[in-house]
Protein backbone atom coordinates (compact mmCIF):
# COMPACT_ATOMS: atom_id res chain seq x y z
CA MET A 1 38.80 30.61 23.10
CA SER A 2 42.45 30.89 23.66
CA THR A 3 43.40 31.27 27.58
CA HIS A 4 45.99 34.03 26.91
CA PRO A 5 47.89 33.52 30.16
CA PRO A 6 50.18 36.10 31.07
CA LYS A 7 54.16 36.65 29.87
CA THR A 8 56.80 37.35 31.41
CA ALA A 9 59.72 38.49 29.95
CA ASP A 10 58.27 37.66 26.88
CA VAL A 11 57.69 33.59 27.85
CA VAL A 12 54.33 32.17 26.92
CA LEU A 13 53.47 30.22 29.93
CA PRO A 14 51.28 27.25 30.47
CA PRO A 15 48.04 26.68 30.24
CA ALA A 16 48.26 28.51 26.72
CA THR A 17 47.36 26.99 23.43
CA ILE A 18 49.73 26.01 20.41
CA GLY A 19 48.84 25.44 16.87
CA ILE A 20 50.30 23.08 15.19
CA LEU A 21 50.24 23.39 11.22
CA GLY A 22 50.55 19.69 10.81
CA GLY A 23 49.32 16.90 11.93
CA GLY A 24 52.45 13.85 11.59
CA GLN A 25 54.60 12.00 13.98
CA LEU A 26 56.51 15.20 14.36
CA GLY A 27 53.36 17.32 15.63
CA ARG A 28 52.03 14.03 17.87
CA MET A 29 55.15 13.85 20.07
CA MET A 30 55.95 17.54 19.76
CA ALA A 31 51.82 17.85 21.40
CA LEU A 32 52.80 14.72 23.87
CA ALA A 33 56.02 16.82 25.26
CA GLY A 34 54.00 19.67 25.54
CA ARG A 35 51.60 18.09 26.99
CA HIS A 36 53.45 17.34 29.64
CA MET A 37 54.71 20.95 30.74
CA GLY A 38 50.55 22.21 30.89
CA TYR A 39 50.52 23.50 26.99
CA ARG A 40 47.43 22.64 25.54
CA PHE A 41 47.21 21.61 21.06
CA ARG A 42 45.43 22.07 18.19
CA VAL A 43 46.22 20.63 14.81
CA LEU A 44 45.63 21.60 11.58
CA ASP A 45 45.89 18.68 8.56
CA PRO A 46 44.06 17.42 5.65
CA THR A 47 43.67 13.87 7.12
CA PRO A 48 41.11 13.46 9.97
CA ASP A 49 42.54 11.77 13.08
CA ALA A 50 45.59 12.90 12.28
CA PRO A 51 48.76 11.19 14.19
CA ALA A 52 48.82 14.70 16.36
CA ALA A 53 45.27 15.45 16.50
CA GLN A 54 45.06 11.79 18.21
CA VAL A 55 46.92 13.80 21.40
CA ALA A 56 45.62 17.40 20.61
CA ASP A 57 42.72 19.06 22.12
CA GLY A 58 41.07 19.56 18.48
CA GLN A 59 41.80 19.82 14.89
CA VAL A 60 40.91 21.94 11.77
CA VAL A 61 40.75 19.29 8.93
CA ALA A 62 41.68 21.49 5.78
CA ALA A 63 44.75 21.76 3.75
CA TYR A 64 47.94 22.95 4.87
CA ASP A 65 47.37 26.10 1.98
CA ASP A 66 44.10 26.89 3.49
CA VAL A 67 44.36 30.55 4.87
CA ASP A 68 40.92 30.60 6.12
CA ALA A 69 41.32 27.46 7.94
CA ALA A 70 44.66 28.93 9.23
CA ARG A 71 43.27 32.10 10.61
CA ARG A 72 40.50 29.84 12.18
CA LEU A 73 43.35 27.87 14.07
CA ALA A 74 45.23 30.97 15.21
CA GLU A 75 41.63 32.20 16.59
CA GLN A 76 42.02 29.59 19.08
CA CYS A 77 45.70 29.68 20.17
CA ASP A 78 48.70 31.86 22.02
CA LEU A 79 50.95 31.07 19.22
CA VAL A 80 51.72 28.83 16.03
CA THR A 81 54.28 26.73 15.06
CA TYR A 82 54.86 24.14 12.40
CA GLU A 83 56.19 20.28 12.08
CA PHE A 84 57.05 19.94 8.51
CA GLU A 85 58.39 22.69 5.99
CA ASN A 86 55.75 21.34 3.50
CA VAL A 87 53.25 23.31 5.07
CA SER A 88 52.59 27.00 2.83
CA ALA A 89 54.73 29.76 3.28
CA ALA A 90 51.92 32.46 2.47
CA VAL A 91 50.14 30.77 5.33
CA THR A 92 52.81 31.40 7.94
CA ASP A 93 52.57 34.73 6.46
CA ALA A 94 49.32 35.34 6.71
CA LEU A 95 49.56 33.69 10.64
CA SER A 96 52.16 36.09 11.21
CA HIS A 97 49.95 39.19 11.30
CA ALA A 98 47.48 37.56 13.01
CA CYS A 99 48.89 35.92 16.19
CA ASP A 100 52.54 35.28 17.12
CA VAL A 101 54.15 32.43 15.04
CA PRO A 102 57.56 32.55 16.81
CA GLN A 103 59.57 30.81 13.22
CA GLY A 104 58.00 33.31 10.85
CA SER A 105 57.97 32.91 7.27
CA GLU A 106 61.15 33.74 6.44
CA LEU A 107 63.02 31.14 7.42
CA LEU A 108 60.40 28.93 6.00
CA ALA A 109 60.47 29.90 2.43
CA ILE A 110 64.27 29.86 2.63
CA CYS A 111 63.98 25.89 3.65
CA GLN A 112 61.19 25.10 1.03
CA HIS A 113 63.65 25.92 -2.04
CA ARG A 114 67.30 24.43 -2.56
CA VAL A 115 68.57 26.97 -4.52
CA ARG A 116 67.10 29.40 -1.76
CA GLU A 117 68.88 27.71 0.75
CA LYS A 118 72.18 26.41 -0.52
CA ALA A 119 72.72 30.32 -1.63
CA THR A 120 71.79 31.62 1.33
CA LEU A 121 74.04 29.25 3.43
CA ALA A 122 76.84 30.51 1.26
CA ARG A 123 76.06 34.02 1.54
CA HIS A 124 77.19 33.43 5.03
CA GLY A 125 80.13 31.97 4.81
CA LEU A 126 78.63 28.14 5.41
CA PRO A 127 80.26 25.22 3.87
CA VAL A 128 77.64 23.80 1.25
CA THR A 129 78.25 21.39 -1.93
CA PRO A 130 78.97 23.65 -5.05
CA PHE A 131 76.12 24.14 -7.11
CA VAL A 132 74.35 25.43 -10.01
CA PRO A 133 70.55 26.79 -10.48
CA ALA A 134 69.05 25.39 -13.16
CA SER A 135 65.39 26.13 -15.31
CA SER A 136 66.36 24.29 -18.61
CA LEU A 137 68.20 21.18 -20.15
CA ASP A 138 70.65 23.36 -21.30
CA ASP A 139 71.36 24.69 -17.62
CA LEU A 140 71.94 21.10 -16.60
CA GLY A 141 74.09 20.09 -19.14
CA VAL A 142 76.30 23.44 -18.66
CA ALA A 143 76.27 21.96 -15.14
CA PHE A 144 77.42 18.66 -16.06
CA GLU A 145 80.46 20.31 -17.87
CA GLN A 146 81.24 22.59 -14.63
CA PHE A 147 81.13 19.47 -12.26
CA GLY A 148 83.13 17.14 -14.57
CA GLY A 149 80.48 14.63 -15.60
CA ARG A 150 79.55 13.44 -11.89
CA MET A 151 76.56 15.48 -10.28
CA VAL A 152 73.22 14.87 -8.72
CA VAL A 153 69.98 16.70 -10.02
CA LYS A 154 67.19 17.48 -7.32
CA THR A 155 63.83 19.43 -7.68
CA CYS A 156 64.10 22.26 -5.78
CA ARG A 157 60.85 21.85 -3.90
CA GLY A 158 58.84 19.00 -2.68
CA GLY A 159 61.72 16.25 -2.54
CA TYR A 160 62.61 13.99 -0.09
CA ASP A 161 63.34 10.23 0.95
CA GLY A 162 65.20 10.18 -2.31
CA LYS A 163 62.37 11.24 -4.30
CA GLY A 164 62.94 14.11 -7.25
CA GLN A 165 66.83 13.13 -7.27
CA TRP A 166 68.52 11.96 -10.07
CA MET A 167 72.59 10.87 -9.94
CA VAL A 168 74.11 11.48 -13.21
CA GLN A 169 77.55 10.06 -13.79
CA SER A 170 78.03 10.23 -17.81
CA ARG A 171 76.16 11.51 -21.00
CA ASP A 172 73.25 8.51 -20.99
CA ASP A 173 72.26 9.52 -18.28
CA LEU A 174 71.48 13.31 -19.26
CA VAL A 175 69.79 11.88 -22.66
CA ARG A 176 68.28 9.08 -20.40
CA HIS A 177 66.40 11.75 -17.60
CA ALA A 178 66.21 14.74 -20.10
CA HIS A 179 61.97 13.63 -19.99
CA GLU A 180 61.36 13.64 -16.55
CA TRP A 181 63.27 16.84 -15.94
CA ALA A 182 61.50 18.63 -18.71
CA GLN A 183 58.39 17.11 -16.77
CA ALA A 184 59.49 18.68 -13.54
CA ILE A 185 60.10 21.69 -15.15
CA ASP A 186 56.54 22.11 -16.30
CA ARG A 187 54.78 21.09 -12.84
CA HIS A 188 56.83 23.73 -11.65
CA ARG A 189 56.05 26.43 -13.71
CA SER A 190 52.17 24.65 -13.83
CA ALA A 191 52.09 25.15 -10.16
CA GLY A 192 52.52 29.11 -10.29
CA PHE A 193 56.42 29.33 -9.24
CA ASP A 194 58.25 31.36 -11.20
CA ASP A 195 62.08 30.23 -9.08
CA HIS A 196 64.59 28.12 -10.63
CA PRO A 197 62.54 24.53 -10.55
CA LEU A 198 65.84 22.03 -10.68
CA ILE A 199 69.36 22.08 -8.73
CA ALA A 200 72.12 20.50 -10.36
CA GLU A 201 75.11 20.05 -7.46
CA ALA A 202 78.73 18.55 -7.38
CA TYR A 203 78.64 14.99 -6.81
CA VAL A 204 80.88 14.68 -2.98
CA PRO A 205 82.37 11.55 -2.40
CA PHE A 206 81.83 11.49 1.13
CA GLN A 207 82.58 8.74 3.86
CA GLY A 208 79.02 9.50 6.30
CA GLU A 209 76.55 11.63 7.14
CA LEU A 210 75.64 13.78 10.17
CA SER A 211 73.01 15.77 11.13
CA VAL A 212 72.93 18.28 14.53
CA ILE A 213 70.26 19.67 15.75
CA VAL A 214 70.16 23.09 17.19
CA ALA A 215 67.66 24.66 19.62
CA ARG A 216 67.35 28.79 19.62
CA ASN A 217 65.32 30.74 21.94
CA ARG A 218 63.72 34.33 21.18
CA ARG A 219 66.46 35.42 23.85
CA GLY A 220 69.04 34.56 21.12
CA ASP A 221 69.94 31.01 23.62
CA VAL A 222 71.44 28.25 21.65
CA ARG A 223 71.70 24.42 22.54
CA ALA A 224 73.37 21.26 19.85
CA PHE A 225 72.06 18.40 20.74
CA PRO A 226 74.82 15.55 20.14
CA PRO A 227 75.64 14.85 16.88
CA ALA A 228 73.99 11.66 15.13
CA GLU A 229 75.70 9.70 12.58
CA ASN A 230 72.93 8.65 10.33
CA VAL A 231 72.81 5.70 7.74
CA HIS A 232 70.45 5.73 5.23
CA ARG A 233 68.70 2.23 2.55
CA ARG A 234 67.35 3.69 -0.45
CA HIS A 235 67.48 7.63 0.46
CA ILE A 236 65.25 6.96 3.58
CA LEU A 237 67.30 7.20 7.16
CA HIS A 238 67.45 4.08 8.52
CA MET A 239 69.16 4.43 11.84
CA SER A 240 70.77 7.09 13.80
CA ILE A 241 74.15 6.46 16.28
CA VAL A 242 74.73 8.44 19.24
CA PRO A 243 77.87 8.83 19.90
CA ALA A 244 78.54 9.57 16.30
CA ARG A 245 81.49 7.26 15.52
CA TYR A 246 84.13 10.40 14.10
CA PRO A 247 86.87 12.09 15.08
CA ALA A 248 86.60 14.17 17.90
CA ASP A 249 87.69 17.40 15.55
CA VAL A 250 85.12 16.34 12.91
CA ILE A 251 82.62 16.19 15.92
CA ALA A 252 83.17 19.57 17.16
CA ARG A 253 83.10 21.48 13.81
CA ALA A 254 79.59 19.59 13.15
CA GLU A 255 78.57 21.20 16.24
CA ASP A 256 80.14 24.47 15.64
CA ILE A 257 78.78 24.79 11.73
CA ALA A 258 75.37 24.03 13.08
CA ARG A 259 75.09 26.81 16.09
CA ARG A 260 76.34 28.95 13.19
CA VAL A 261 73.22 27.82 11.19
CA ALA A 262 70.94 28.69 14.26
CA ALA A 263 72.58 32.20 15.05
CA SER A 264 73.03 33.51 11.14
CA LEU A 265 69.83 32.58 9.82
CA GLY A 266 68.33 33.70 13.19
CA VAL A 267 66.40 30.44 14.01
CA VAL A 268 63.44 30.57 16.27
CA GLY A 269 62.60 26.62 17.50
CA LEU A 270 64.91 23.86 16.14
CA ILE A 271 66.76 23.50 13.29
CA ALA A 272 67.94 20.26 11.95
CA VAL A 273 71.49 20.30 10.07
CA GLU A 274 71.92 17.73 7.64
CA MET A 275 76.03 16.94 6.57
CA PHE A 276 78.03 15.05 4.66
CA VAL A 277 81.85 14.37 5.79
CA THR A 278 84.01 13.83 2.97
CA GLN A 279 86.92 11.23 2.75
CA ASP A 280 89.15 13.95 3.55
CA GLY A 281 87.77 15.24 6.80
CA GLN A 282 85.94 17.95 5.40
CA ILE A 283 82.01 18.78 6.73
CA LEU A 284 79.52 20.47 3.86
CA ILE A 285 75.87 21.20 4.41
CA ASN A 286 73.78 18.89 2.84
CA GLU A 287 70.04 20.45 3.45
CA LEU A 288 68.61 22.18 6.51
CA ALA A 289 65.27 21.09 8.51
CA PRO A 290 63.74 23.85 10.61
CA ARG A 291 61.75 21.80 12.92
CA PRO A 292 62.34 18.61 15.00
CA HIS A 293 63.68 15.94 12.93
CA ASN A 294 63.91 12.23 12.50
CA SER A 295 67.74 11.80 13.32
CA GLY A 296 66.78 13.61 16.78
CA HIS A 297 64.15 10.69 17.95
CA TYR A 298 67.10 9.55 20.14
CA THR A 299 66.69 12.73 22.40
CA LEU A 300 62.93 11.07 23.85
CA ASP A 301 65.05 8.01 25.17
CA ALA A 302 68.54 9.14 26.23
CA CYS A 303 68.91 12.95 26.64
CA ALA A 304 68.00 15.11 29.21
CA THR A 305 66.13 17.00 27.67
CA SER A 306 63.80 15.47 24.43
CA GLN A 307 64.08 17.16 20.41
CA PHE A 308 60.24 18.39 21.47
CA GLU A 309 60.39 19.56 24.48
CA GLN A 310 63.14 21.63 23.42
CA HIS A 311 61.40 22.32 20.17
CA ILE A 312 58.17 23.81 23.28
CA ARG A 313 60.77 25.62 24.94
CA ALA A 314 62.67 27.44 22.16
CA ILE A 315 59.09 28.81 20.50
CA CYS A 316 57.86 29.91 24.60
CA ASN A 317 60.90 31.55 25.05
CA LEU A 318 61.61 29.43 27.96
CA PRO A 319 65.30 28.55 28.79
CA LEU A 320 66.35 26.14 26.97
CA GLY A 321 66.98 22.51 28.79
CA ASP A 322 69.78 20.10 29.06
CA VAL A 323 70.84 18.06 26.31
CA ARG A 324 73.50 15.88 27.86
CA LEU A 325 73.49 12.08 26.49
CA TYR A 326 72.55 10.05 28.94
CA SER A 327 73.51 6.92 27.27
CA PRO A 328 74.85 5.50 23.91
CA VAL A 329 71.54 4.90 21.50
CA VAL A 330 71.09 3.69 18.34
CA MET A 331 67.62 5.12 16.92
CA VAL A 332 66.07 2.66 13.70
CA ASN A 333 63.28 3.97 11.89
CA VAL A 334 60.30 1.12 11.72
CA LEU A 335 58.58 1.40 8.02
CA GLY A 336 55.14 0.23 7.05
CA GLN A 337 56.52 -3.42 5.91
CA HIS A 338 58.39 -3.48 9.92
CA VAL A 339 54.94 -3.26 11.18
CA SER A 340 53.83 -6.68 11.36
CA PRO A 341 57.24 -8.26 12.34
CA LEU A 342 57.84 -5.83 15.07
CA LEU A 343 54.59 -6.24 16.34
CA ALA A 344 55.14 -9.89 16.03
CA ARG A 345 57.93 -9.76 18.23
CA MET A 346 57.27 -7.40 20.89
CA GLY A 347 56.74 -9.55 23.16
CA GLU A 348 60.29 -10.53 23.31
CA MET A 349 61.94 -7.05 23.30
CA PRO A 350 64.40 -6.33 26.07
CA SER A 351 63.63 -3.73 28.56
CA HIS A 352 66.25 -1.39 26.90
CA VAL A 353 64.84 -1.49 23.64
CA LYS A 354 62.22 1.81 23.73
CA VAL A 355 59.00 1.30 20.92
CA HIS A 356 57.81 4.31 19.35
CA LEU A 357 54.73 4.24 17.01
CA TYR A 358 53.08 7.28 15.36
CA GLY A 359 49.39 6.01 15.15
CA LYS A 360 49.08 6.06 11.41
CA ALA A 361 45.93 4.11 9.65
CA GLU A 362 47.74 2.22 7.24
CA ALA A 363 50.70 0.51 6.71
CA LYS A 364 52.62 1.48 3.76
CA ARG A 365 55.72 0.40 2.28
CA ASP A 366 58.83 2.68 3.27
CA ARG A 367 56.07 4.82 4.74
CA LYS A 368 57.91 5.61 8.67
CA MET A 369 55.24 3.91 11.11
CA GLY A 370 57.19 4.84 14.16
CA HIS A 371 60.93 4.21 15.60
CA VAL A 372 62.59 2.44 18.34
CA ASN A 373 65.71 3.82 20.39
CA VAL A 374 68.09 0.98 21.55
CA VAL A 375 69.39 2.31 24.76
CA VAL A 376 72.82 0.54 25.54
CA ASP A 377 75.99 0.93 27.36
CA ASP A 378 77.51 0.89 23.60
CA VAL A 379 76.89 1.17 20.07
CA ALA A 380 78.18 -1.76 19.03
CA GLN A 381 75.93 -3.88 20.90
CA ALA A 382 72.76 -1.70 19.97
CA LEU A 383 73.82 -2.43 16.19
CA GLN A 384 74.40 -5.81 17.21
CA TRP A 385 70.89 -6.93 18.47
CA VAL A 386 69.09 -4.78 15.65
CA GLU A 387 70.98 -7.11 12.88
CA GLY A 388 70.07 -9.80 15.12
CA PHE A 389 66.56 -9.04 15.84
CA GLY A 390 65.27 -9.95 12.21
CA VAL A 391 62.87 -6.93 12.10
CA TRP A 392 64.85 -4.47 9.47
CA ASP A 393 66.31 -7.72 7.32
CA GLU A 394 65.74 -6.11 3.50
CA PRO A 395 65.38 -8.83 0.68
């Protein structure tokens, strides 16, 4: 049973129990941070002994769209949060009538659909890549002409790490991918969705990528973590570099855009704003993640407050923590193919390299199994170590 501790000015105090929808690594690190503060945790996830459940006080083993199971979770908790945006918005909507869900369901629904996300940002005057909603192959043909023969087609729901994305640079590409797009449209309709299944975005030449993670509590206080410069391999985040190696004005504009996103969308908790930096210095929002984010893992070892503690502070309406960067840092993802070489050389790691493994049962290729934070005096030194250590060599 929930302890239902007293609240001060709508602050949820320890030893409150926080429920987490989703039991992956983000929930795990959220729970670890919150336990230090005196909170207790329960998790809903379909996988028994999920990474977050390993460090929580209990788990409801059920699918993410199981409303009854989510209600059982809520009965044991004082408030409920989510660790990734593919949980059911219908579940969070139902929970909002049964318990305290600080993030609500509206932001989740926005971020679960690319057209809705882009249209919402554009409506608030925030910079986004030009886009066209698509419900048919004909719509994609129109978008191809509108964007001058270069575009990126994406599924509106469920895509991640490059899955459900197609680069189109010629009419031959339109023909080659037509069958896959038709299948994606059919799957979308079969799942019962009546919104746009695909989105076409103008191809934007960019010099690099940035992300800014912003926290906002229910009082409306906002804090932005230092922007991270992100490097991807095969559409999967490989490393985040902080401080980001961009001019000061680009950094300032990125932080301002991220703060505006948090305020415009009424965020409670964290939101990660992923952005492109174009070759002429413009900043365009690529996508949002309304939760802790892979590119914010550097905060665990290099900032006064980690993104996970900050999320707990925000949803419990505590004062937000200090976001200052104590040291330059490079975060590098540990994927399934990196686990064995990492463990084989772990005894050789210098003290400034911090290893975080997630407790996942099986190390599949390209599956995120952990990360390391290389905390050093300058990022060039960290990048040199990553390149020389050999674990992240790609065939």
